[in-house]
């Protein structure tokens, strides 16, 4: 009898924890246009999806002596994933990634918007910290991670010349 009661109480606690997690993940409202990253204490906008597909870059022709990349702003190619396209822009200062912004991402339904709102700021700040496209995926946003890292790597390749 005591084992059954203990199992029942643990089941109830687990169900409540799952319900709270689900609420926080899907229903807690936050402004999807503004997020705060660890690398930048100012608010950084995550813009709405863009329909443009071309790659562009603007940077100095001389490689920076203090880092692996040429200074400038580089836009990665749009990478098609299952739910849409992902495209990023990277800003290189002193040969290192200064900031990463996502220009295009899946946002056609509330689920896509919520996943992007959670995952993209994490991907952006981890890229800056790692100074690389080699970052960890956020659980539930693997497709977005694949598109993000491929577009980021494309932009970083442009910055190498």
C-alpha atoms as a PDB file:
ATOM      1  CA  UNK A   1       0.000   0.000   0.000  1.00  0.00           C
ATOM      2  CA  UNK A   2       2.825   2.394   0.874  1.00  0.00           C
ATOM      3  CA  UNK A   3       4.577   1.655  -2.461  1.00  0.00           C
ATOM      4  CA  UNK A   4       1.393   2.414  -4.404  1.00  0.00           C
ATOM      5  CA  UNK A   5       0.858   5.672  -2.520  1.00  0.00           C
ATOM      6  CA  UNK A   6       4.472   6.728  -3.098  1.00  0.00           C
ATOM      7  CA  UNK A   7       4.232   5.902  -6.805  1.00  0.00           C
ATOM      8  CA  UNK A   8       0.978   7.858  -7.052  1.00  0.00           C
ATOM      9  CA  UNK A   9       2.489  10.940  -5.377  1.00  0.00           C
ATOM     10  CA  UNK A  10       5.568  10.801  -7.606  1.00  0.00           C
ATOM     11  CA  UNK A  11       3.300  10.495 -10.667  1.00  0.00           C
ATOM     12  CA  UNK A  12       1.331  13.572  -9.599  1.00  0.00           C
ATOM     13  CA  UNK A  13       4.522  15.571  -8.999  1.00  0.00           C
ATOM     14  CA  UNK A  14       5.871  14.524 -12.403  1.00  0.00           C
ATOM     15  CA  UNK A  15       2.602  15.466 -14.144  1.00  0.00           C
ATOM     16  CA  UNK A  16       2.632  18.912 -12.495  1.00  0.00           C
ATOM     17  CA  UNK A  17       6.273  19.446 -13.529  1.00  0.00           C
ATOM     18  CA  UNK A  18       5.465  18.502 -17.133  1.00  0.00           C
ATOM     19  CA  UNK A  19       2.435  20.802 -17.149  1.00  0.00           C
ATOM     20  CA  UNK A  20       4.512  23.735 -15.853  1.00  0.00           C
ATOM     21  CA  UNK A  21       7.246  23.048 -18.395  1.00  0.00           C
ATOM     22  CA  UNK A  22       4.680  22.895 -21.205  1.00  0.00           C
ATOM     23  CA  UNK A  23       3.108  26.148 -20.064  1.00  0.00           C
ATOM     24  CA  UNK A  24       6.460  27.939 -19.935  1.00  0.00           C
ATOM     25  CA  UNK A  25       7.512  26.573 -23.312  1.00  0.00           C
ATOM     26  CA  UNK A  26       4.345  27.209 -25.303  1.00  0.00           C
ATOM     27  CA  UNK A  27       2.185  29.773 -23.533  1.00  0.00           C
ATOM     28  CA  UNK A  28       4.377  32.190 -21.631  1.00  0.00           C
ATOM     29  CA  UNK A  29       4.302  35.354 -23.685  1.00  0.00           C
ATOM     30  CA  UNK A  30       7.439  37.333 -24.463  1.00  0.00           C
ATOM     31  CA  UNK A  31       8.167  39.838 -27.174  1.00  0.00           C
ATOM     32  CA  UNK A  32       9.550  37.620 -29.988  1.00  0.00           C
ATOM     33  CA  UNK A  33      11.299  40.606 -31.581  1.00  0.00           C
ATOM     34  CA  UNK A  34      13.544  41.402 -28.622  1.00  0.00           C
ATOM     35  CA  UNK A  35      15.850  39.045 -26.750  1.00  0.00           C
ATOM     36  CA  UNK A  36      18.864  39.510 -24.533  1.00  0.00           C
ATOM     37  CA  UNK A  37      21.979  37.520 -25.256  1.00  0.00           C
ATOM     38  CA  UNK A  38      24.831  36.775 -22.877  1.00  0.00           C
ATOM     39  CA  UNK A  39      27.381  38.250 -25.274  1.00  0.00           C
ATOM     40  CA  UNK A  40      25.530  41.545 -25.537  1.00  0.00           C
ATOM     41  CA  UNK A  41      23.695  43.029 -22.572  1.00  0.00           C
ATOM     42  CA  UNK A  42      21.714  45.367 -24.834  1.00  0.00           C
ATOM     43  CA  UNK A  43      18.523  44.122 -26.415  1.00  0.00           C
ATOM     44  CA  UNK A  44      19.137  42.524 -29.781  1.00  0.00           C
ATOM     45  CA  UNK A  45      16.332  42.328 -32.311  1.00  0.00           C
ATOM     46  CA  UNK A  46      15.504  39.078 -34.058  1.00  0.00           C
ATOM     47  CA  UNK A  47      13.940  40.407 -37.268  1.00  0.00           C
ATOM     48  CA  UNK A  48      11.051  38.898 -39.171  1.00  0.00           C
ATOM     49  CA  UNK A  49      11.633  36.546 -42.072  1.00  0.00           C
ATOM     50  CA  UNK A  50      13.112  37.989 -45.227  1.00  0.00           C
ATOM     51  CA  UNK A  51      12.217  36.879 -48.722  1.00  0.00           C
ATOM     52  CA  UNK A  52      15.624  37.686 -50.190  1.00  0.00           C
ATOM     53  CA  UNK A  53      17.790  34.745 -51.219  1.00  0.00           C
ATOM     54  CA  UNK A  54      21.101  36.277 -52.313  1.00  0.00           C
ATOM     55  CA  UNK A  55      24.369  36.206 -50.368  1.00  0.00           C
ATOM     56  CA  UNK A  56      26.225  39.392 -49.694  1.00  0.00           C
ATOM     57  CA  UNK A  57      29.284  40.512 -47.827  1.00  0.00           C
ATOM     58  CA  UNK A  58      31.156  43.664 -47.072  1.00  0.00           C
ATOM     59  CA  UNK A  59      34.523  43.521 -45.423  1.00  0.00           C
ATOM     60  CA  UNK A  60      38.033  44.756 -45.557  1.00  0.00           C
ATOM     61  CA  UNK A  61      40.361  43.168 -48.078  1.00  0.00           C
ATOM     62  CA  UNK A  62      43.159  42.873 -45.531  1.00  0.00           C
ATOM     63  CA  UNK A  63      42.881  40.005 -43.040  1.00  0.00           C
ATOM     64  CA  UNK A  64      42.939  41.050 -39.415  1.00  0.00           C
ATOM     65  CA  UNK A  65      46.214  40.274 -37.691  1.00  0.00           C
ATOM     66  CA  UNK A  66      44.574  39.366 -34.384  1.00  0.00           C
ATOM     67  CA  UNK A  67      42.035  36.776 -35.536  1.00  0.00           C
ATOM     68  CA  UNK A  68      41.043  34.139 -38.037  1.00  0.00           C
ATOM     69  CA  UNK A  69      38.489  36.205 -39.970  1.00  0.00           C
ATOM     70  CA  UNK A  70      38.542  39.434 -42.014  1.00  0.00           C
ATOM     71  CA  UNK A  71      36.694  42.304 -40.388  1.00  0.00           C
ATOM     72  CA  UNK A  72      33.328  43.186 -41.909  1.00  0.00           C
ATOM     73  CA  UNK A  73      29.740  42.057 -42.176  1.00  0.00           C
ATOM     74  CA  UNK A  74      28.991  38.807 -44.013  1.00  0.00           C
ATOM     75  CA  UNK A  75      25.623  37.297 -44.892  1.00  0.00           C
ATOM     76  CA  UNK A  76      25.393  33.540 -45.217  1.00  0.00           C
ATOM     77  CA  UNK A  77      23.381  31.809 -47.885  1.00  0.00           C
ATOM     78  CA  UNK A  78      19.768  30.920 -47.129  1.00  0.00           C
ATOM     79  CA  UNK A  79      19.633  27.275 -46.064  1.00  0.00           C
ATOM     80  CA  UNK A  80      16.424  25.363 -46.694  1.00  0.00           C
ATOM     81  CA  UNK A  81      15.286  23.209 -43.793  1.00  0.00           C
ATOM     82  CA  UNK A  82      12.132  21.192 -43.275  1.00  0.00           C
ATOM     83  CA  UNK A  83      10.153  24.152 -41.898  1.00  0.00           C
ATOM     84  CA  UNK A  84      11.451  26.985 -44.086  1.00  0.00           C
ATOM     85  CA  UNK A  85      14.774  28.765 -44.571  1.00  0.00           C
ATOM     86  CA  UNK A  86      17.442  30.034 -42.208  1.00  0.00           C
ATOM     87  CA  UNK A  87      19.906  32.828 -42.993  1.00  0.00           C
ATOM     88  CA  UNK A  88      22.322  34.634 -40.709  1.00  0.00           C
ATOM     89  CA  UNK A  89      24.594  37.669 -40.832  1.00  0.00           C
ATOM     90  CA  UNK A  90      27.849  37.753 -38.910  1.00  0.00           C
ATOM     91  CA  UNK A  91      29.800  40.848 -37.889  1.00  0.00           C
ATOM     92  CA  UNK A  92      33.538  40.335 -37.563  1.00  0.00           C
ATOM     93  CA  UNK A  93      35.625  42.790 -35.516  1.00  0.00           C
ATOM     94  CA  UNK A  94      39.326  42.350 -34.778  1.00  0.00           C
ATOM     95  CA  UNK A  95      39.246  38.989 -36.523  1.00  0.00           C
ATOM     96  CA  UNK A  96      36.609  37.518 -34.212  1.00  0.00           C
ATOM     97  CA  UNK A  97      32.841  37.111 -34.304  1.00  0.00           C
ATOM     98  CA  UNK A  98      31.403  40.227 -32.662  1.00  0.00           C
ATOM     99  CA  UNK A  99      27.741  39.451 -33.273  1.00  0.00           C
ATOM    100  CA  UNK A 100      25.458  37.111 -35.168  1.00  0.00           C
ATOM    101  CA  UNK A 101      21.940  38.023 -36.217  1.00  0.00           C
ATOM    102  CA  UNK A 102      19.346  35.797 -37.785  1.00  0.00           C
ATOM    103  CA  UNK A 103      17.807  37.413 -40.861  1.00  0.00           C
ATOM    104  CA  UNK A 104      15.472  34.630 -41.936  1.00  0.00           C
ATOM    105  CA  UNK A 105      13.992  31.761 -39.956  1.00  0.00           C
ATOM    106  CA  UNK A 106      10.847  29.582 -39.818  1.00  0.00           C
ATOM    107  CA  UNK A 107       7.996  31.674 -38.382  1.00  0.00           C
ATOM    108  CA  UNK A 108       4.841  30.693 -40.257  1.00  0.00           C
ATOM    109  CA  UNK A 109       2.989  29.294 -37.238  1.00  0.00           C
ATOM    110  CA  UNK A 110       2.995  29.786 -33.449  1.00  0.00           C
ATOM    111  CA  UNK A 111       5.084  26.654 -32.841  1.00  0.00           C
ATOM    112  CA  UNK A 112       7.802  27.753 -35.288  1.00  0.00           C
ATOM    113  CA  UNK A 113       7.773  31.243 -33.773  1.00  0.00           C
ATOM    114  CA  UNK A 114       8.154  29.867 -30.239  1.00  0.00           C
ATOM    115  CA  UNK A 115      10.956  27.442 -31.177  1.00  0.00           C
ATOM    116  CA  UNK A 116      12.807  30.222 -33.020  1.00  0.00           C
ATOM    117  CA  UNK A 117      12.285  32.637 -30.128  1.00  0.00           C
ATOM    118  CA  UNK A 118      13.931  30.179 -27.741  1.00  0.00           C
ATOM    119  CA  UNK A 119      16.645  28.644 -29.926  1.00  0.00           C
ATOM    120  CA  UNK A 120      17.966  31.489 -32.086  1.00  0.00           C
ATOM    121  CA  UNK A 121      19.199  33.787 -29.282  1.00  0.00           C
ATOM    122  CA  UNK A 122      21.007  30.788 -27.808  1.00  0.00           C
ATOM    123  CA  UNK A 123      22.602  29.916 -31.144  1.00  0.00           C
ATOM    124  CA  UNK A 124      23.611  33.539 -31.716  1.00  0.00           C
ATOM    125  CA  UNK A 125      25.279  33.988 -28.319  1.00  0.00           C
ATOM    126  CA  UNK A 126      26.989  30.571 -28.428  1.00  0.00           C
ATOM    127  CA  UNK A 127      28.426  31.384 -31.858  1.00  0.00           C
ATOM    128  CA  UNK A 128      29.947  34.580 -30.506  1.00  0.00           C
ATOM    129  CA  UNK A 129      31.346  32.797 -27.446  1.00  0.00           C
ATOM    130  CA  UNK A 130      32.749  29.908 -29.519  1.00  0.00           C
ATOM    131  CA  UNK A 131      33.952  32.215 -32.317  1.00  0.00           C
ATOM    132  CA  UNK A 132      32.785  29.410 -34.588  1.00  0.00           C
ATOM    133  CA  UNK A 133      29.785  27.681 -36.123  1.00  0.00           C
ATOM    134  CA  UNK A 134      30.488  24.640 -33.952  1.00  0.00           C
ATOM    135  CA  UNK A 135      27.752  25.055 -31.346  1.00  0.00           C
ATOM    136  CA  UNK A 136      25.354  22.775 -29.494  1.00  0.00           C
ATOM    137  CA  UNK A 137      21.780  22.254 -30.682  1.00  0.00           C
ATOM    138  CA  UNK A 138      18.817  23.233 -28.521  1.00  0.00           C
ATOM    139  CA  UNK A 139      16.522  20.290 -27.872  1.00  0.00           C
ATOM    140  CA  UNK A 140      13.515  20.508 -30.177  1.00  0.00           C
ATOM    141  CA  UNK A 141      15.234  22.847 -32.635  1.00  0.00           C
ATOM    142  CA  UNK A 142      17.638  20.529 -34.441  1.00  0.00           C
ATOM    143  CA  UNK A 143      16.420  21.464 -37.929  1.00  0.00           C
ATOM    144  CA  UNK A 144      16.834  25.154 -37.149  1.00  0.00           C
ATOM    145  CA  UNK A 145      20.307  24.414 -35.709  1.00  0.00           C
ATOM    146  CA  UNK A 146      21.330  22.671 -38.925  1.00  0.00           C
ATOM    147  CA  UNK A 147      20.207  25.610 -41.065  1.00  0.00           C
ATOM    148  CA  UNK A 148      21.728  28.151 -38.675  1.00  0.00           C
ATOM    149  CA  UNK A 149      25.144  26.490 -38.521  1.00  0.00           C
ATOM    150  CA  UNK A 150      25.301  25.940 -42.310  1.00  0.00           C
ATOM    151  CA  UNK A 151      24.404  29.563 -43.053  1.00  0.00           C
ATOM    152  CA  UNK A 152      26.835  30.789 -40.397  1.00  0.00           C
ATOM    153  CA  UNK A 153      29.628  28.619 -41.774  1.00  0.00           C
ATOM    154  CA  UNK A 154      28.934  29.997 -45.254  1.00  0.00           C
ATOM    155  CA  UNK A 155      29.281  33.555 -43.918  1.00  0.00           C
ATOM    156  CA  UNK A 156      32.469  32.653 -42.034  1.00  0.00           C
ATOM    157  CA  UNK A 157      33.912  31.076 -45.187  1.00  0.00           C
ATOM    158  CA  UNK A 158      33.306  34.367 -47.004  1.00  0.00           C
ATOM    159  CA  UNK A 159      35.203  36.200 -44.272  1.00  0.00           C
ATOM    160  CA  UNK A 160      38.236  33.986 -44.797  1.00  0.00           C
ATOM    161  CA  UNK A 161      38.457  35.063 -48.436  1.00  0.00           C
END
